[in-house]
Amino acid sequence: MKRSSQFQNSKFNIWNRAVLCYFNMKINNRMKTNRFFLTGLLFISIIVHINANEKKIIQSKLEEATVFYRGAELKHSASAILSKGANELLIEGLSPDIDPNSIKIKTTGGTIVSSYEFVEETALRNDMELIRKQIQDSVNFYQNKIKLINIETKVNKEMLELFEKSITQKILSSQNDSLRNKMSIDELVKSIDFLKTRSIETETLLMNKNNEKERFEAEISRLNGQIISAHDEQETIKRLKLNVTAPESRTSQFTISYCTYSAGWTPFYNINVVSIDQPIQIISKAKVFQTTGVDWRQVKLTLSSGTPGNGKVAPLFRAWFLQNRQMDIRNQEHFDIAQNAYVYSESQAKDMQNNAAMTQNTLDEYLTINDNLLMVTYQIDLPYTIPGDGNEQSIDLRTQKTQAAYHFYCAPKLDPESYLLAEVKDSEKLDLPRGNAQITYDGMYIGETVIDGASTLKELALTLGTDKRVSVKREQLHNFSSTKLLGSDVKQVFTYKITVKNNQNKTIKMVLKDQYPISTQKGIEVELLKETTKPTFDKTETGVVTWEDIFAPGETKTYQISSSVKYPKDMNLNL
């Protein structure tokens, strides 16, 4: 009995140990599982924390470019996978030449941009070869521009020296010749005035060209600063650094826009004239260039007539205090009044109203034109690729047809050449910014002119070229010119004859102009002698007379202008 009880006790002990062992194993396994699970959670949280604080480099894509006459606004898109909370992004693919104050950033999905800055980052040299080539191409572009300016400057200086030498020789030869061949005071003054006018024009042109050259040199200096030695293992590039906060882990879209001044466009035109009895065809084009350091590949392009950030402020008047000052005949800018039209005919003004409906625009189906109070924009729906090497890309904008009145024009006192003009009616409806124009007449290229849609002329006058078959000669009639002393005054009479001949085999209309002086000072009396001067129009405020006439084939006509000037003899007038 006792042994049986001991055996049972031993069996019970073994069972208890087995049960204890089983439960111990269960507990140990569960603890290991929990430790493994906790370790995994810790590892994941560490990865999330690292990813949340890691700098993400994002490549942007240029989507749109709005190009101004000088400068452009570029719009890029980018996409980034964000972690919940704080993220730091580096946006690549932007132009290094950015106006920092113009940067605008938009995001999606509730992502907040807490701060941004344009920073310098390092990149491998091989990644920069393309950028370096683009920069060097831009340097070459501006260097070629400077070479052209140097050539133009040299030619203008040589021409000015030639004019000075020619007039000097003319004066010296006149002094050495017989009395009959001597230059009159009138001819001498006119020669000096011509030299003075040409000198002012040339010096102004040279000054503008020099300013333009300085701008190009500054741009070259800036670009050279971006070219780093090819021996370096790493090079510095600029990226846009963003600190953003995301409400949750998600993919956000970014839109980055900014302004750069390393781009621009200029308008130019092709003018096709089939014949003088058909409408003119004006093809508007644009030359676009950019040296932003980024190739524009398949971008949506918009051309604008505005200028970004010009910083101008509307002016206010200040008190105008009158002061006595000595009249200086050399300072005549307050009295310079320009003619405001080539033709003054009232009948043509009526024609302009009657033919207003003749102007028609045939816009390209991909072009949208927006005209607001500040600027005109041309939105082109076709994608364009414009490399960043500075080479100009020609873009067709639209084709327009308009009626025009054709006639020949000559102002022989200024230039004896006869110009064929086309007076475009309702030109303000054509929207033609200032630019050069290539002219084709009857299928033949005849030269270039300038379209100035912002001119103050009543009508847009297109100069189609000169025609030597319409000859004009202006000469002074000495028998009808005189100088008389009237007490303390001098009275001079000037008479000129203008001869026009139409050597063409068809009838033409001719507009002829000449000029007489205007008195701006007490004691000087000017009179147009109307008994010998019979123009079609006399604009007394500008001192310009106009003859408008019709010439049959081979016909010759003469015109005469006479004026008298009475002034104190101690005055030295610019007659």
Protein backbone atom coordinates (compact mmCIF):
# COMPACT_ATOMS: atom_id res chain seq x y z
CA MET A 1 0.00 0.00 0.00
CA LYS A 2 2.77 2.33 0.89
CA ARG A 3 4.75 1.50 -2.23
CA SER A 4 1.66 2.03 -4.30
CA SER A 5 1.17 5.43 -2.74
CA GLN A 6 4.79 6.41 -3.41
CA PHE A 7 4.45 5.32 -7.02
CA GLN A 8 1.37 7.43 -7.43
CA ASN A 9 3.12 10.39 -5.85
CA SER A 10 6.06 10.03 -8.21
CA LYS A 11 3.75 9.89 -11.20
CA PHE A 12 2.04 13.00 -9.93
CA ASN A 13 5.38 14.77 -9.59
CA ILE A 14 6.41 13.81 -13.11
CA TRP A 15 3.10 15.07 -14.46
CA ASN A 16 3.46 18.31 -12.59
CA ARG A 17 6.96 18.82 -13.97
CA ALA A 18 5.74 18.10 -17.48
CA VAL A 19 2.92 20.59 -17.12
CA LEU A 20 5.27 23.19 -15.68
CA CYS A 21 7.72 22.58 -18.55
CA TYR A 22 4.96 22.97 -21.13
CA PHE A 23 3.76 26.23 -19.65
CA ASN A 24 7.33 27.51 -19.33
CA MET A 25 7.90 26.78 -23.03
CA LYS A 26 4.69 28.58 -23.96
CA ILE A 27 5.63 31.60 -21.89
CA ASN A 28 9.17 31.68 -23.32
CA ASN A 29 7.91 31.42 -26.91
CA ARG A 30 5.40 34.19 -26.35
CA MET A 31 8.06 36.43 -24.82
CA LYS A 32 10.38 35.78 -27.77
CA THR A 33 7.55 36.63 -30.17
CA ASN A 34 6.81 39.82 -28.30
CA ARG A 35 10.49 40.76 -28.28
CA PHE A 36 10.70 40.11 -32.05
CA PHE A 37 7.57 42.15 -32.65
CA LEU A 38 8.84 45.04 -30.52
CA THR A 39 12.22 44.89 -32.27
CA GLY A 40 10.48 45.09 -35.68
CA LEU A 41 8.41 48.05 -34.61
CA LEU A 42 11.52 49.82 -33.36
CA PHE A 43 13.34 49.10 -36.66
CA ILE A 44 10.43 50.40 -38.73
CA SER A 45 10.15 53.54 -36.64
CA ILE A 46 13.89 54.16 -37.08
CA ILE A 47 13.57 53.77 -40.88
CA VAL A 48 10.57 56.11 -40.94
CA HIS A 49 12.46 58.63 -38.83
CA ILE A 50 15.50 58.43 -41.11
CA ASN A 51 13.37 58.79 -44.25
CA ALA A 52 11.50 61.72 -42.74
CA ASN A 53 14.76 63.60 -42.21
CA GLU A 54 16.51 62.50 -45.42
CA LYS A 55 17.13 65.09 -48.19
CA LYS A 56 15.19 64.06 -51.27
CA ILE A 57 16.59 65.22 -54.62
CA ILE A 58 13.71 65.78 -57.06
CA GLN A 59 14.06 66.43 -60.79
CA SER A 60 11.73 69.13 -62.12
CA LYS A 61 10.31 69.47 -65.63
CA LEU A 62 9.91 72.78 -67.44
CA GLU A 63 6.27 73.03 -68.55
CA GLU A 64 5.65 76.65 -69.59
CA ALA A 65 7.68 79.71 -70.57
CA THR A 66 6.29 83.23 -70.84
CA VAL A 67 8.89 85.30 -72.69
CA PHE A 68 8.97 89.09 -72.47
CA TYR A 69 10.95 91.51 -74.64
CA ARG A 70 13.62 91.16 -71.97
CA GLY A 71 13.24 88.37 -69.46
CA ALA A 72 10.99 85.35 -69.02
CA GLU A 73 8.80 83.64 -66.45
CA LEU A 74 9.42 79.88 -66.28
CA LYS A 75 7.06 77.36 -64.72
CA HIS A 76 8.31 73.91 -63.63
CA SER A 77 6.48 70.87 -62.26
CA ALA A 78 7.81 68.26 -59.82
CA SER A 79 6.49 65.28 -57.87
CA ALA A 80 7.75 64.00 -54.49
CA ILE A 81 6.83 61.16 -52.10
CA LEU A 82 6.53 62.75 -48.68
CA SER A 83 6.51 61.27 -45.21
CA LYS A 84 4.15 62.50 -42.55
CA GLY A 85 5.59 65.54 -40.85
CA ALA A 86 8.73 67.47 -41.85
CA ASN A 87 10.50 66.80 -45.17
CA GLU A 88 13.45 68.44 -46.92
CA LEU A 89 13.51 68.54 -50.72
CA LEU A 90 16.11 69.65 -53.26
CA ILE A 91 14.59 70.62 -56.61
CA GLU A 92 16.88 70.22 -59.65
CA GLY A 93 16.50 71.36 -63.25
CA LEU A 94 15.88 75.05 -62.57
CA SER A 95 17.77 77.91 -64.20
CA PRO A 96 20.79 79.08 -62.17
CA ASP A 97 19.95 82.67 -63.13
CA ILE A 98 16.85 83.30 -61.00
CA ASP A 99 15.44 86.45 -59.48
CA PRO A 100 14.95 85.09 -55.90
CA ASN A 101 12.19 87.60 -55.16
CA SER A 102 10.07 86.20 -57.99
CA ILE A 103 9.91 82.55 -56.82
CA LYS A 104 6.38 81.21 -56.32
CA ILE A 105 5.60 77.66 -55.12
CA LYS A 106 2.27 75.83 -55.16
CA THR A 107 1.57 72.37 -53.68
CA THR A 108 -1.26 69.80 -53.50
CA GLY A 109 -2.76 67.63 -50.78
CA GLY A 110 -2.50 70.09 -47.91
CA THR A 111 1.32 70.14 -48.04
CA ILE A 112 2.74 73.31 -46.51
CA VAL A 113 6.01 74.93 -47.65
CA SER A 114 7.47 76.36 -44.47
CA SER A 115 10.62 77.82 -46.06
CA TYR A 116 12.67 77.80 -49.25
CA GLU A 117 16.03 79.07 -50.48
CA PHE A 118 18.24 78.82 -53.52
CA VAL A 119 21.33 76.88 -52.41
CA GLU A 120 24.55 75.60 -53.94
CA GLU A 121 25.00 71.82 -54.04
CA THR A 122 27.78 69.63 -55.37
CA ALA A 123 27.41 67.23 -58.27
CA LEU A 124 29.74 64.88 -60.12
CA ARG A 125 31.70 66.42 -62.96
CA ASN A 126 30.19 64.12 -65.60
CA ASP A 127 26.73 65.35 -64.67
CA MET A 128 27.79 68.92 -65.50
CA GLU A 129 29.21 68.46 -68.98
CA LEU A 130 25.93 69.34 -70.67
CA ILE A 131 25.39 72.41 -68.46
CA ARG A 132 28.96 73.59 -69.10
CA LYS A 133 28.43 73.27 -72.85
CA GLN A 134 25.23 75.30 -72.63
CA ILE A 135 27.02 78.02 -70.67
CA GLN A 136 29.89 78.11 -73.17
CA ASP A 137 27.42 78.33 -76.06
CA SER A 138 25.84 81.32 -74.32
CA VAL A 139 29.25 82.97 -73.92
CA ASN A 140 29.94 82.44 -77.64
CA PHE A 141 26.56 83.98 -78.50
CA TYR A 142 27.29 87.21 -76.57
CA GLN A 143 30.85 87.34 -77.93
CA ASN A 144 29.48 87.27 -81.48
CA LYS A 145 27.09 90.09 -80.57
CA ILE A 146 30.02 92.17 -79.32
CA LYS A 147 31.96 91.49 -82.56
CA LEU A 148 29.02 92.83 -84.59
CA ILE A 149 28.84 95.92 -82.38
CA ASN A 150 32.58 96.52 -82.86
CA ILE A 151 32.19 96.27 -86.63
CA GLU A 152 29.20 98.64 -86.65
CA THR A 153 31.04 101.09 -84.36
CA LYS A 154 34.10 101.08 -86.61
CA VAL A 155 32.04 101.66 -89.77
CA ASN A 156 30.08 104.55 -88.21
CA LYS A 157 33.25 106.22 -86.95
CA GLU A 158 34.85 105.94 -90.39
CA MET A 159 31.73 107.36 -92.06
CA LEU A 160 31.69 110.30 -89.65
CA GLU A 161 35.38 110.98 -90.32
CA LEU A 162 34.68 110.78 -94.04
CA PHE A 163 31.88 113.37 -93.76
CA GLU A 164 34.10 115.71 -91.74
CA LYS A 165 36.96 115.38 -94.21
CA SER A 166 34.68 115.89 -97.21
CA ILE A 167 33.11 119.07 -95.85
CA THR A 168 36.49 120.44 -94.73
CA GLN A 169 37.95 119.87 -98.20
CA LYS A 170 34.88 121.48 -99.75
CA ILE A 171 35.34 124.62 -97.64
CA LEU A 172 39.09 124.81 -98.32
CA SER A 173 38.66 124.30 -102.07
CA SER A 174 35.97 126.97 -102.10
CA GLN A 175 38.36 129.45 -100.48
CA ASN A 176 41.06 128.73 -103.06
CA ASP A 177 38.75 128.81 -106.11
CA SER A 178 37.57 131.83 -108.03
CA LEU A 179 34.81 134.03 -106.68
CA ARG A 180 32.30 132.41 -108.99
CA ASN A 181 32.84 128.95 -107.45
CA LYS A 182 32.97 130.07 -103.84
CA MET A 183 30.42 128.57 -101.45
CA SER A 184 27.68 130.90 -100.38
CA ILE A 185 27.00 131.51 -96.70
CA ASP A 186 23.76 129.56 -97.12
CA GLU A 187 25.55 126.53 -98.56
CA LEU A 188 28.26 126.72 -95.89
CA VAL A 189 25.74 126.85 -93.04
CA LYS A 190 23.77 123.97 -94.53
CA SER A 191 26.91 121.87 -94.84
CA ILE A 192 27.80 122.56 -91.23
CA ASP A 193 24.22 121.84 -90.10
CA PHE A 194 24.29 118.58 -92.03
CA LEU A 195 27.57 117.60 -90.36
CA LYS A 196 26.18 118.59 -86.95
CA THR A 197 23.01 116.55 -87.43
CA ARG A 198 24.90 113.52 -88.70
CA SER A 199 27.43 113.83 -85.85
CA ILE A 200 24.67 113.89 -83.22
CA GLU A 201 22.94 110.90 -84.79
CA THR A 202 26.19 108.94 -85.03
CA GLU A 203 27.37 109.79 -81.52
CA THR A 204 23.96 108.82 -80.09
CA LEU A 205 24.10 105.52 -81.97
CA LEU A 206 27.63 104.85 -80.73
CA MET A 207 26.59 105.64 -77.15
CA ASN A 208 23.67 103.18 -77.35
CA LYS A 209 25.89 100.52 -78.90
CA ASN A 210 28.49 101.01 -76.18
CA ASN A 211 25.83 100.57 -73.48
CA GLU A 212 24.64 97.43 -75.22
CA LYS A 213 28.22 96.15 -75.40
CA GLU A 214 28.69 96.74 -71.66
CA ARG A 215 25.56 94.71 -70.92
CA PHE A 216 26.84 91.84 -73.07
CA GLU A 217 30.26 91.97 -71.38
CA ALA A 218 28.61 91.84 -67.95
CA GLU A 219 26.61 88.81 -69.06
CA ILE A 220 29.78 87.09 -70.31
CA SER A 221 31.48 87.78 -66.98
CA ARG A 222 28.52 86.27 -65.12
CA LEU A 223 28.49 83.17 -67.33
CA ASN A 224 32.26 82.68 -67.05
CA GLY A 225 31.85 82.63 -63.30
CA GLN A 226 29.67 79.55 -63.67
CA ILE A 227 32.22 77.61 -65.70
CA ILE A 228 34.37 75.57 -63.27
CA SER A 229 37.61 73.82 -64.19
CA ALA A 230 37.09 70.44 -65.85
CA HIS A 231 39.80 68.94 -63.59
CA ASP A 232 37.64 69.15 -60.48
CA GLU A 233 36.05 65.92 -59.30
CA GLN A 234 32.98 67.80 -58.08
CA GLU A 235 31.27 70.95 -59.25
CA THR A 236 28.78 73.32 -57.71
CA ILE A 237 25.24 73.63 -59.04
CA LYS A 238 22.25 75.52 -57.70
CA ARG A 239 19.14 73.81 -56.38
CA LEU A 240 15.95 75.03 -54.75
CA LYS A 241 15.81 73.78 -51.15
CA LEU A 242 12.31 73.29 -49.72
CA ASN A 243 11.28 72.54 -46.16
CA VAL A 244 7.75 71.14 -46.32
CA THR A 245 5.30 69.60 -43.86
CA ALA A 246 2.88 66.87 -45.00
CA PRO A 247 -0.30 65.99 -43.04
CA GLU A 248 0.21 62.33 -43.96
CA SER A 249 2.47 60.10 -46.04
CA ARG A 250 1.55 60.77 -49.65
CA THR A 251 2.73 61.95 -53.07
CA SER A 252 2.50 65.71 -53.58
CA GLN A 253 2.74 67.74 -56.76
CA PHE A 254 4.76 70.98 -56.85
CA THR A 255 4.59 73.93 -59.27
CA ILE A 256 7.57 76.31 -59.17
CA SER A 257 7.56 79.57 -61.14
CA TYR A 258 10.19 82.32 -61.25
CA CYS A 259 11.59 85.12 -63.42
CA THR A 260 14.92 85.20 -65.21
CA TYR A 261 16.46 87.92 -67.36
CA SER A 262 18.47 85.53 -69.56
CA ALA A 263 15.83 85.31 -72.28
CA GLY A 264 13.86 87.56 -74.61
CA TRP A 265 12.19 87.97 -77.98
CA THR A 266 11.97 90.55 -80.74
CA PRO A 267 9.19 90.88 -83.32
CA PHE A 268 9.91 90.93 -87.03
CA TYR A 269 7.78 90.71 -90.14
CA ASN A 270 7.55 89.52 -93.69
CA ILE A 271 5.63 91.99 -95.86
CA ASN A 272 4.39 90.63 -99.16
CA VAL A 273 3.05 93.05 -101.78
CA VAL A 274 1.67 91.36 -104.88
CA SER A 275 0.74 94.62 -106.62
CA ILE A 276 -0.37 98.10 -105.63
CA ASP A 277 -4.04 97.25 -106.31
CA GLN A 278 -4.14 94.33 -103.86
CA PRO A 279 -4.05 94.14 -100.06
CA ILE A 280 -0.74 93.87 -98.20
CA GLN A 281 0.04 90.57 -96.49
CA ILE A 282 1.84 91.00 -93.16
CA ILE A 283 3.29 87.86 -91.56
CA SER A 284 4.15 88.48 -87.91
CA LYS A 285 7.07 86.49 -86.54
CA ALA A 286 9.20 86.35 -83.42
CA LYS A 287 12.88 85.70 -82.75
CA VAL A 288 13.20 83.98 -79.36
CA PHE A 289 16.48 83.37 -77.54
CA GLN A 290 17.41 82.13 -74.09
CA THR A 291 20.61 81.55 -72.12
CA THR A 292 19.01 80.33 -68.90
CA GLY A 293 21.25 77.25 -68.61
CA VAL A 294 18.25 74.97 -69.15
CA ASP A 295 17.12 73.62 -72.51
CA TRP A 296 13.45 74.31 -73.14
CA ARG A 297 12.12 70.99 -74.45
CA GLN A 298 8.55 70.76 -75.69
CA VAL A 299 7.31 73.64 -73.54
CA LYS A 300 4.12 75.63 -73.83
CA LEU A 301 5.30 79.03 -75.09
CA THR A 302 3.73 82.45 -74.51
CA LEU A 303 5.18 85.69 -75.89
CA SER A 304 4.36 88.91 -74.06
CA SER A 305 4.88 92.58 -74.89
CA GLY A 306 5.27 93.43 -71.20
CA THR A 307 8.33 93.63 -68.98
CA PRO A 308 8.51 91.87 -65.60
CA GLY A 309 9.30 93.96 -62.55
CA ASN A 310 10.14 97.22 -64.30
CA GLY A 311 9.80 99.06 -60.97
CA LYS A 312 8.32 102.22 -62.49
CA VAL A 313 6.15 104.52 -60.39
CA ALA A 314 3.54 106.91 -61.79
CA PRO A 315 4.97 110.46 -61.68
CA LEU A 316 3.68 113.39 -59.61
CA PHE A 317 4.04 117.09 -60.33
CA ARG A 318 6.38 119.38 -58.40
CA ALA A 319 6.02 123.13 -58.09
CA TRP A 320 7.02 124.88 -61.33
CA PHE A 321 9.00 128.03 -60.45
CA LEU A 322 9.61 130.35 -63.39
CA GLN A 323 13.12 131.68 -63.87
CA ASN A 324 14.60 134.14 -66.31
CA ARG A 325 17.19 132.59 -68.58
CA GLN A 326 19.08 133.60 -71.69
CA MET A 327 17.67 132.20 -74.95
CA ASP A 328 20.19 129.78 -76.44
CA ILE A 329 19.72 129.06 -80.10
CA ARG A 330 21.56 125.78 -79.64
CA ASN A 331 18.86 124.54 -77.28
CA GLN A 332 15.89 124.09 -79.56
CA GLU A 333 14.35 120.88 -78.24
CA HIS A 334 11.35 122.77 -76.79
CA PHE A 335 10.47 124.04 -80.26
CA ASP A 336 11.05 120.85 -82.28
CA ILE A 337 7.64 119.80 -83.60
CA ALA A 338 7.55 116.77 -85.85
CA GLN A 339 5.12 116.25 -88.68
CA ASN A 340 2.40 113.78 -87.73
CA ALA A 341 1.63 112.28 -91.13
CA TYR A 342 3.10 111.73 -94.55
CA VAL A 343 -0.22 112.62 -96.20
CA TYR A 344 -2.72 115.29 -95.07
CA SER A 345 -5.43 114.59 -97.63
CA GLU A 346 -8.97 114.87 -96.23
CA SER A 347 -10.26 112.52 -98.92
CA GLN A 348 -7.93 109.80 -97.63
CA ALA A 349 -9.26 110.33 -94.11
CA LYS A 350 -12.75 109.58 -95.48
CA ASP A 351 -11.42 106.53 -97.32
CA MET A 352 -9.95 105.31 -94.06
CA GLN A 353 -13.40 105.35 -92.46
CA ASN A 354 -15.12 103.76 -95.44
CA ASN A 355 -12.56 100.97 -95.72
CA ALA A 356 -12.34 100.15 -92.02
CA ALA A 357 -14.08 96.82 -92.67
CA MET A 358 -11.46 95.81 -95.23
CA THR A 359 -8.88 94.90 -92.55
CA GLN A 360 -9.14 91.21 -91.78
CA ASN A 361 -7.08 88.98 -89.50
CA THR A 362 -6.44 85.34 -90.33
CA LEU A 363 -5.13 83.97 -87.02
CA ASP A 364 -3.31 80.70 -86.80
CA GLU A 365 -5.53 78.02 -85.23
CA TYR A 366 -2.94 77.38 -82.51
CA LEU A 367 -2.52 81.02 -81.49
CA THR A 368 -4.51 82.80 -78.78
CA ILE A 369 -4.04 86.57 -78.39
CA ASN A 370 -4.94 88.34 -75.16
CA ASP A 371 -4.86 92.13 -75.06
CA ASN A 372 -5.27 93.70 -71.62
CA LEU A 373 -4.54 97.17 -70.31
CA LEU A 374 -0.83 96.52 -69.77
CA MET A 375 0.36 94.10 -72.43
CA VAL A 376 -0.44 91.80 -75.32
CA THR A 377 0.29 88.07 -75.00
CA TYR A 378 0.52 85.45 -77.72
CA GLN A 379 -0.20 81.96 -76.38
CA ILE A 380 0.96 79.17 -78.68
CA ASP A 381 -0.64 75.79 -78.07
CA LEU A 382 2.04 73.90 -80.00
CA PRO A 383 5.02 72.77 -77.87
CA TYR A 384 8.38 74.35 -78.71
CA THR A 385 11.99 73.34 -78.11
CA ILE A 386 14.44 76.22 -77.65
CA PRO A 387 18.06 75.37 -76.72
CA GLY A 388 19.87 77.39 -74.09
CA ASP A 389 22.81 78.36 -76.33
CA GLY A 390 21.43 81.82 -77.15
CA ASN A 391 20.78 81.10 -80.83
CA GLU A 392 17.63 82.85 -82.02
CA GLN A 393 14.71 80.62 -82.98
CA SER A 394 12.20 82.01 -85.49
CA ILE A 395 8.54 81.42 -84.73
CA ASP A 396 5.62 82.25 -87.01
CA LEU A 397 2.78 83.97 -85.16
CA ARG A 398 0.05 84.99 -87.58
CA THR A 399 -0.79 86.32 -91.03
CA GLN A 400 -2.89 89.43 -91.61
CA LYS A 401 -4.11 91.21 -94.72
CA THR A 402 -5.00 94.87 -94.88
CA GLN A 403 -5.80 97.53 -97.44
CA ALA A 404 -3.22 100.23 -98.09
CA ALA A 405 -2.91 103.43 -100.10
CA TYR A 406 0.26 103.42 -102.25
CA HIS A 407 2.14 106.55 -103.27
CA PHE A 408 5.65 107.89 -103.78
CA TYR A 409 7.13 110.26 -101.21
CA CYS A 410 10.11 112.60 -101.31
CA ALA A 411 11.50 115.33 -99.07
CA PRO A 412 14.42 116.49 -101.24
CA LYS A 413 15.81 118.87 -98.62
CA LEU A 414 16.48 115.79 -96.47
CA ASP A 415 16.94 113.09 -99.10
CA PRO A 416 16.54 113.27 -102.90
CA GLU A 417 15.44 109.62 -103.13
CA SER A 418 11.81 108.80 -103.95
CA TYR A 419 10.27 106.28 -101.56
CA LEU A 420 7.35 104.01 -102.32
CA LEU A 421 5.10 104.10 -99.25
CA ALA A 422 2.09 102.04 -98.26
CA GLU A 423 -0.20 103.89 -95.86
CA VAL A 424 -1.96 101.21 -93.78
CA LYS A 425 -5.42 102.14 -92.55
CA ASP A 426 -6.66 101.25 -89.06
CA SER A 427 -3.17 100.12 -88.14
CA GLU A 428 -3.99 100.07 -84.42
CA LYS A 429 -6.20 97.02 -85.06
CA LEU A 430 -3.27 95.09 -86.49
CA ASP A 431 -1.25 95.10 -83.24
CA LEU A 432 2.23 95.45 -84.75
CA PRO A 433 5.01 95.94 -82.14
CA ARG A 434 8.12 97.73 -83.35
CA GLY A 435 10.40 95.46 -85.37
CA ASN A 436 12.29 95.00 -88.62
CA ALA A 437 10.42 93.84 -91.69
CA GLN A 438 11.60 92.11 -94.84
CA ILE A 439 9.73 93.30 -97.93
CA THR A 440 8.84 91.27 -100.98
CA TYR A 441 7.29 93.04 -103.97
CA ASP A 442 5.84 90.99 -106.83
CA GLY A 443 7.75 87.92 -105.60
CA MET A 444 11.10 89.74 -105.42
CA TYR A 445 12.95 90.65 -102.22
CA ILE A 446 13.57 94.40 -102.25
CA GLY A 447 15.00 95.14 -98.80
CA GLU A 448 14.14 95.86 -95.18
CA THR A 449 12.19 98.52 -93.34
CA VAL A 450 11.01 99.17 -89.78
CA ILE A 451 7.46 98.78 -88.52
CA ASP A 452 6.64 101.06 -85.61
CA GLY A 453 3.09 100.36 -84.48
CA ALA A 454 3.56 102.71 -81.51
CA SER A 455 4.39 105.70 -83.71
CA THR A 456 2.48 108.96 -83.29
CA LEU A 457 1.82 109.14 -87.03
CA LYS A 458 -1.88 109.10 -87.89
CA GLU A 459 -1.39 106.10 -90.17
CA LEU A 460 1.19 103.35 -90.27
CA ALA A 461 3.48 104.11 -93.21
CA LEU A 462 5.48 101.17 -94.53
CA THR A 463 8.52 102.12 -96.59
CA LEU A 464 8.68 99.57 -99.38
CA GLY A 465 11.90 100.89 -100.91
CA THR A 466 13.25 103.57 -103.23
CA ASP A 467 12.67 103.91 -106.97
CA LYS A 468 15.17 105.83 -109.11
CA ARG A 469 12.66 105.95 -111.97
CA VAL A 470 10.93 108.75 -110.06
CA SER A 471 13.58 111.49 -110.01
CA VAL A 472 13.49 114.60 -107.83
CA LYS A 473 15.86 117.58 -107.98
CA ARG A 474 15.93 120.57 -105.61
CA GLU A 475 17.96 123.69 -106.46
CA GLN A 476 18.13 127.25 -105.23
CA LEU A 477 17.02 129.99 -107.63
CA HIS A 478 19.62 132.70 -106.98
CA ASN A 479 17.83 135.18 -109.25
CA PHE A 480 14.84 135.03 -106.90
CA SER A 481 16.87 134.99 -103.69
CA SER A 482 18.20 138.16 -102.11
CA THR A 483 19.65 139.81 -99.01
CA LYS A 484 18.72 143.40 -98.11
CA LEU A 485 19.61 145.76 -95.27
CA LEU A 486 16.60 147.58 -93.80
CA GLY A 487 18.02 149.93 -91.18
CA SER A 488 19.06 147.75 -88.23
CA ASP A 489 17.44 144.68 -89.77
CA VAL A 490 18.36 142.21 -92.49
CA LYS A 491 15.78 140.69 -94.82
CA GLN A 492 16.65 137.55 -96.74
CA VAL A 493 14.52 135.82 -99.36
CA PHE A 494 15.09 132.15 -100.20
CA THR A 495 13.58 130.52 -103.29
CA TYR A 496 13.94 126.91 -104.33
CA LYS A 497 12.68 124.99 -107.35
CA ILE A 498 11.82 121.30 -107.18
CA THR A 499 11.61 119.26 -110.37
CA VAL A 500 9.88 115.88 -110.42
CA LYS A 501 9.84 113.46 -113.34
CA ASN A 502 7.99 110.15 -113.59
CA ASN A 503 10.11 107.82 -115.73
CA GLN A 504 7.81 104.86 -115.15
CA ASN A 505 5.40 103.52 -117.76
CA LYS A 506 2.40 103.90 -115.45
CA THR A 507 0.59 106.68 -113.62
CA ILE A 508 1.73 107.34 -110.05
CA LYS A 509 0.73 109.50 -107.11
CA MET A 510 3.48 111.70 -105.68
CA VAL A 511 3.68 113.37 -102.27
CA LEU A 512 6.36 116.06 -102.10
CA LYS A 513 7.41 117.97 -98.98
CA ASP A 514 9.62 120.94 -98.18
CA GLN A 515 10.20 123.20 -95.21
CA TYR A 516 10.50 126.84 -94.17
CA PRO A 517 11.68 128.14 -90.76
CA ILE A 518 9.47 129.08 -87.79
CA SER A 519 10.12 132.11 -85.62
CA THR A 520 10.33 131.45 -81.87
CA GLN A 521 11.76 134.81 -80.85
CA LYS A 522 10.55 138.40 -80.88
CA GLY A 523 12.24 140.45 -83.57
CA ILE A 524 12.38 137.59 -86.08
CA GLU A 525 9.69 137.65 -88.77
CA VAL A 526 9.15 134.72 -91.15
CA GLU A 527 6.77 134.77 -94.09
CA LEU A 528 5.91 132.12 -96.64
CA LEU A 529 5.58 133.95 -99.97
CA LYS A 530 2.29 132.50 -101.13
CA GLU A 531 2.26 134.25 -104.51
CA THR A 532 5.08 131.92 -105.61
CA THR A 533 4.50 129.04 -103.19
CA LYS A 534 1.28 127.17 -103.86
CA PRO A 535 1.32 123.86 -101.97
CA THR A 536 -1.59 121.49 -101.43
CA PHE A 537 -1.21 121.84 -97.65
CA ASP A 538 0.67 124.23 -95.40
CA LYS A 539 1.19 123.10 -91.78
CA THR A 540 2.18 126.40 -90.18
CA GLU A 541 2.84 124.81 -86.78
CA THR A 542 5.61 122.67 -88.27
CA GLY A 543 6.65 124.84 -91.23
CA VAL A 544 6.12 121.96 -93.66
CA VAL A 545 4.47 122.38 -97.05
CA THR A 546 3.09 119.46 -99.03
CA TRP A 547 2.28 118.95 -102.70
CA GLU A 548 0.14 115.97 -103.68
CA ASP A 549 -0.08 115.34 -107.40
CA ILE A 550 -0.72 112.70 -110.05
CA PHE A 551 1.96 112.04 -112.68
CA ALA A 552 1.28 110.42 -116.03
CA PRO A 553 3.99 108.18 -117.52
CA GLY A 554 6.99 110.34 -118.51
CA GLU A 555 5.46 113.54 -117.12
CA THR A 556 7.62 116.29 -115.54
CA LYS A 557 6.38 118.98 -113.13
CA THR A 558 8.07 121.79 -111.19
CA TYR A 559 7.22 123.33 -107.82
CA GLN A 560 8.53 126.40 -106.04
CA ILE A 561 8.89 127.41 -102.39
CA SER A 562 9.81 130.96 -101.35
CA SER A 563 10.13 132.39 -97.87
CA SER A 564 11.51 135.57 -96.33
CA VAL A 565 13.19 136.10 -92.98
CA LYS A 566 13.60 139.51 -91.34
CA TYR A 567 15.81 139.75 -88.26
CA PRO A 568 18.20 142.16 -86.46
CA LYS A 569 21.51 142.28 -88.25
CA ASP A 570 23.50 141.53 -85.10
CA MET A 571 21.89 138.08 -84.94
CA ASN A 572 23.52 134.98 -86.39
CA LEU A 573 20.65 132.70 -87.38
CA ASN A 574 20.81 129.08 -88.43
CA LEU A 575 19.40 129.74 -91.91
